[in-house]
C-alpha atoms as a PDB file:
ATOM      1  CA  UNK A   1      22.078  64.642 214.297  1.00  0.00           C
ATOM      2  CA  UNK A   2      19.278  65.836 212.011  1.00  0.00           C
ATOM      3  CA  UNK A   3      16.618  67.955 213.695  1.00  0.00           C
ATOM      4  CA  UNK A   4      13.066  66.720 213.139  1.00  0.00           C
ATOM      5  CA  UNK A   5      10.515  69.498 212.743  1.00  0.00           C
ATOM      6  CA  UNK A   6       6.785  68.727 212.656  1.00  0.00           C
ATOM      7  CA  UNK A   7       4.447  71.516 211.582  1.00  0.00           C
ATOM      8  CA  UNK A   8       0.979  72.225 212.997  1.00  0.00           C
ATOM      9  CA  UNK A   9      -1.410  74.766 211.484  1.00  0.00           C
ATOM     10  CA  UNK A  10      -4.554  73.798 213.412  1.00  0.00           C
ATOM     11  CA  UNK A  11      -5.843  74.563 216.894  1.00  0.00           C
ATOM     12  CA  UNK A  12      -8.964  73.368 218.691  1.00  0.00           C
ATOM     13  CA  UNK A  13     -10.998  73.460 215.452  1.00  0.00           C
ATOM     14  CA  UNK A  14      -9.256  70.235 214.366  1.00  0.00           C
ATOM     15  CA  UNK A  15      -8.070  68.118 217.298  1.00  0.00           C
ATOM     16  CA  UNK A  16      -6.459  65.475 215.111  1.00  0.00           C
ATOM     17  CA  UNK A  17      -4.380  67.934 213.060  1.00  0.00           C
ATOM     18  CA  UNK A  18      -3.393  69.735 216.244  1.00  0.00           C
ATOM     19  CA  UNK A  19      -2.320  66.528 218.030  1.00  0.00           C
ATOM     20  CA  UNK A  20      -0.503  64.451 215.394  1.00  0.00           C
ATOM     21  CA  UNK A  21       2.538  66.736 215.070  1.00  0.00           C
ATOM     22  CA  UNK A  22       3.088  66.403 218.815  1.00  0.00           C
ATOM     23  CA  UNK A  23       2.632  62.596 218.693  1.00  0.00           C
ATOM     24  CA  UNK A  24       5.390  62.211 216.087  1.00  0.00           C
ATOM     25  CA  UNK A  25       7.648  64.854 217.615  1.00  0.00           C
ATOM     26  CA  UNK A  26       7.308  63.264 221.060  1.00  0.00           C
ATOM     27  CA  UNK A  27       8.323  59.875 219.662  1.00  0.00           C
ATOM     28  CA  UNK A  28      11.400  61.534 218.175  1.00  0.00           C
ATOM     29  CA  UNK A  29      12.212  63.288 221.448  1.00  0.00           C
ATOM     30  CA  UNK A  30      11.852  60.096 223.486  1.00  0.00           C
ATOM     31  CA  UNK A  31      14.279  58.439 221.032  1.00  0.00           C
ATOM     32  CA  UNK A  32      16.874  61.142 221.893  1.00  0.00           C
ATOM     33  CA  UNK A  33      16.384  62.928 218.583  1.00  0.00           C
ATOM     34  CA  UNK A  34      16.438  66.700 218.270  1.00  0.00           C
ATOM     35  CA  UNK A  35      12.729  67.540 217.823  1.00  0.00           C
ATOM     36  CA  UNK A  36      10.693  70.699 217.450  1.00  0.00           C
ATOM     37  CA  UNK A  37       7.052  71.502 216.633  1.00  0.00           C
ATOM     38  CA  UNK A  38       6.585  74.572 214.434  1.00  0.00           C
ATOM     39  CA  UNK A  39       3.190  76.215 215.026  1.00  0.00           C
ATOM     40  CA  UNK A  40       1.702  78.538 212.410  1.00  0.00           C
ATOM     41  CA  UNK A  41      -1.695  80.054 211.606  1.00  0.00           C
ATOM     42  CA  UNK A  42      -4.233  78.919 214.278  1.00  0.00           C
ATOM     43  CA  UNK A  43      -1.728  76.355 215.524  1.00  0.00           C
ATOM     44  CA  UNK A  44       0.145  79.133 217.410  1.00  0.00           C
ATOM     45  CA  UNK A  45      -2.639  79.062 219.979  1.00  0.00           C
ATOM     46  CA  UNK A  46      -1.368  75.617 221.046  1.00  0.00           C
ATOM     47  CA  UNK A  47       1.675  77.339 222.524  1.00  0.00           C
ATOM     48  CA  UNK A  48      -0.403  79.404 224.931  1.00  0.00           C
ATOM     49  CA  UNK A  49      -0.988  78.487 228.573  1.00  0.00           C
ATOM     50  CA  UNK A  50      -4.102  76.357 229.092  1.00  0.00           C
ATOM     51  CA  UNK A  51      -5.266  76.372 225.450  1.00  0.00           C
ATOM     52  CA  UNK A  52      -4.494  72.702 224.683  1.00  0.00           C
ATOM     53  CA  UNK A  53      -5.845  71.324 227.954  1.00  0.00           C
ATOM     54  CA  UNK A  54      -9.314  70.524 226.559  1.00  0.00           C
ATOM     55  CA  UNK A  55      -8.204  69.231 223.182  1.00  0.00           C
ATOM     56  CA  UNK A  56      -8.499  65.487 222.648  1.00  0.00           C
ATOM     57  CA  UNK A  57      -9.128  63.225 219.671  1.00  0.00           C
ATOM     58  CA  UNK A  58     -10.430  59.669 220.202  1.00  0.00           C
ATOM     59  CA  UNK A  59      -7.537  57.208 220.069  1.00  0.00           C
ATOM     60  CA  UNK A  60      -4.878  59.858 220.724  1.00  0.00           C
ATOM     61  CA  UNK A  61      -3.402  61.145 223.994  1.00  0.00           C
ATOM     62  CA  UNK A  62      -4.942  64.354 225.369  1.00  0.00           C
ATOM     63  CA  UNK A  63      -3.004  67.195 223.748  1.00  0.00           C
ATOM     64  CA  UNK A  64      -2.242  69.134 226.931  1.00  0.00           C
ATOM     65  CA  UNK A  65      -0.576  66.060 228.464  1.00  0.00           C
ATOM     66  CA  UNK A  66       1.277  65.295 225.244  1.00  0.00           C
ATOM     67  CA  UNK A  67       2.708  68.801 225.045  1.00  0.00           C
ATOM     68  CA  UNK A  68       3.934  68.521 228.624  1.00  0.00           C
ATOM     69  CA  UNK A  69       5.570  65.173 227.891  1.00  0.00           C
ATOM     70  CA  UNK A  70       7.169  66.511 224.709  1.00  0.00           C
ATOM     71  CA  UNK A  71       8.788  69.430 226.527  1.00  0.00           C
ATOM     72  CA  UNK A  72       9.868  67.168 229.418  1.00  0.00           C
ATOM     73  CA  UNK A  73      11.569  64.928 226.837  1.00  0.00           C
ATOM     74  CA  UNK A  74      13.583  67.857 225.510  1.00  0.00           C
ATOM     75  CA  UNK A  75      11.333  68.935 222.660  1.00  0.00           C
ATOM     76  CA  UNK A  76      11.026  72.554 221.558  1.00  0.00           C
ATOM     77  CA  UNK A  77       7.886  74.437 220.571  1.00  0.00           C
ATOM     78  CA  UNK A  78       8.315  77.243 218.057  1.00  0.00           C
ATOM     79  CA  UNK A  79       5.459  79.672 217.462  1.00  0.00           C
ATOM     80  CA  UNK A  80       5.588  81.744 214.279  1.00  0.00           C
ATOM     81  CA  UNK A  81       6.055  85.403 215.121  1.00  0.00           C
ATOM     82  CA  UNK A  82       4.104  86.587 212.066  1.00  0.00           C
ATOM     83  CA  UNK A  83       1.206  84.456 213.305  1.00  0.00           C
ATOM     84  CA  UNK A  84       1.352  85.252 217.028  1.00  0.00           C
ATOM     85  CA  UNK A  85       1.439  89.008 216.563  1.00  0.00           C
ATOM     86  CA  UNK A  86      -2.003  89.497 214.966  1.00  0.00           C
ATOM     87  CA  UNK A  87      -3.485  87.128 217.576  1.00  0.00           C
ATOM     88  CA  UNK A  88      -2.067  89.179 220.401  1.00  0.00           C
ATOM     89  CA  UNK A  89       0.153  86.355 221.665  1.00  0.00           C
ATOM     90  CA  UNK A  90       3.400  87.350 223.386  1.00  0.00           C
ATOM     91  CA  UNK A  91       6.213  85.516 225.184  1.00  0.00           C
ATOM     92  CA  UNK A  92       4.417  85.865 228.551  1.00  0.00           C
ATOM     93  CA  UNK A  93       1.449  83.900 227.146  1.00  0.00           C
ATOM     94  CA  UNK A  94       3.487  80.821 226.228  1.00  0.00           C
ATOM     95  CA  UNK A  95       3.757  77.440 227.910  1.00  0.00           C
ATOM     96  CA  UNK A  96       7.103  76.255 229.211  1.00  0.00           C
ATOM     97  CA  UNK A  97       9.331  75.102 226.347  1.00  0.00           C
ATOM     98  CA  UNK A  98       7.743  77.416 223.771  1.00  0.00           C
ATOM     99  CA  UNK A  99       9.183  80.486 222.156  1.00  0.00           C
ATOM    100  CA  UNK A 100       8.293  82.843 219.339  1.00  0.00           C
ATOM    101  CA  UNK A 101      10.552  82.543 216.285  1.00  0.00           C
ATOM    102  CA  UNK A 102      10.849  84.426 213.022  1.00  0.00           C
ATOM    103  CA  UNK A 103      11.044  83.172 209.444  1.00  0.00           C
ATOM    104  CA  UNK A 104      14.816  83.673 209.274  1.00  0.00           C
ATOM    105  CA  UNK A 105      15.257  81.225 212.162  1.00  0.00           C
ATOM    106  CA  UNK A 106      13.143  78.598 210.388  1.00  0.00           C
ATOM    107  CA  UNK A 107      15.066  79.085 207.146  1.00  0.00           C
ATOM    108  CA  UNK A 108      18.323  78.566 209.079  1.00  0.00           C
ATOM    109  CA  UNK A 109      17.006  75.277 210.472  1.00  0.00           C
ATOM    110  CA  UNK A 110      15.923  74.047 207.050  1.00  0.00           C
ATOM    111  CA  UNK A 111      19.216  75.108 205.435  1.00  0.00           C
ATOM    112  CA  UNK A 112      21.045  73.174 208.157  1.00  0.00           C
ATOM    113  CA  UNK A 113      19.253  70.012 207.025  1.00  0.00           C
ATOM    114  CA  UNK A 114      16.226  69.713 209.292  1.00  0.00           C
ATOM    115  CA  UNK A 115      13.699  67.074 208.239  1.00  0.00           C
ATOM    116  CA  UNK A 116      10.073  68.264 208.211  1.00  0.00           C
ATOM    117  CA  UNK A 117       6.604  66.766 208.400  1.00  0.00           C
ATOM    118  CA  UNK A 118       3.325  68.640 208.123  1.00  0.00           C
ATOM    119  CA  UNK A 119      -0.285  67.992 209.038  1.00  0.00           C
END
């Protein structure tokens, strides 16, 4: 099975760009596909406890709820280690289902044939 990786670079400054990767990834997860959301730049803040709770874009599900559904459906959240470190984000700050990953891990996933989408 091909892993589907969606990529989010935005946080609360752009609710639509922050939410859409989770919409697509959640659809994949509910269809029993291997799905992950890769968070980089300001998007890494989405992996922290409570951050996404107030983010909502008209016409889309509230992001905090969507993240919870995604994880409950077996989805994984990957926060870029090079992006979390300067923002002072550590493993203890993360929501359930999230972890900090390094570039080598992402390269491994891509080399193994993961399909990617970016917003």
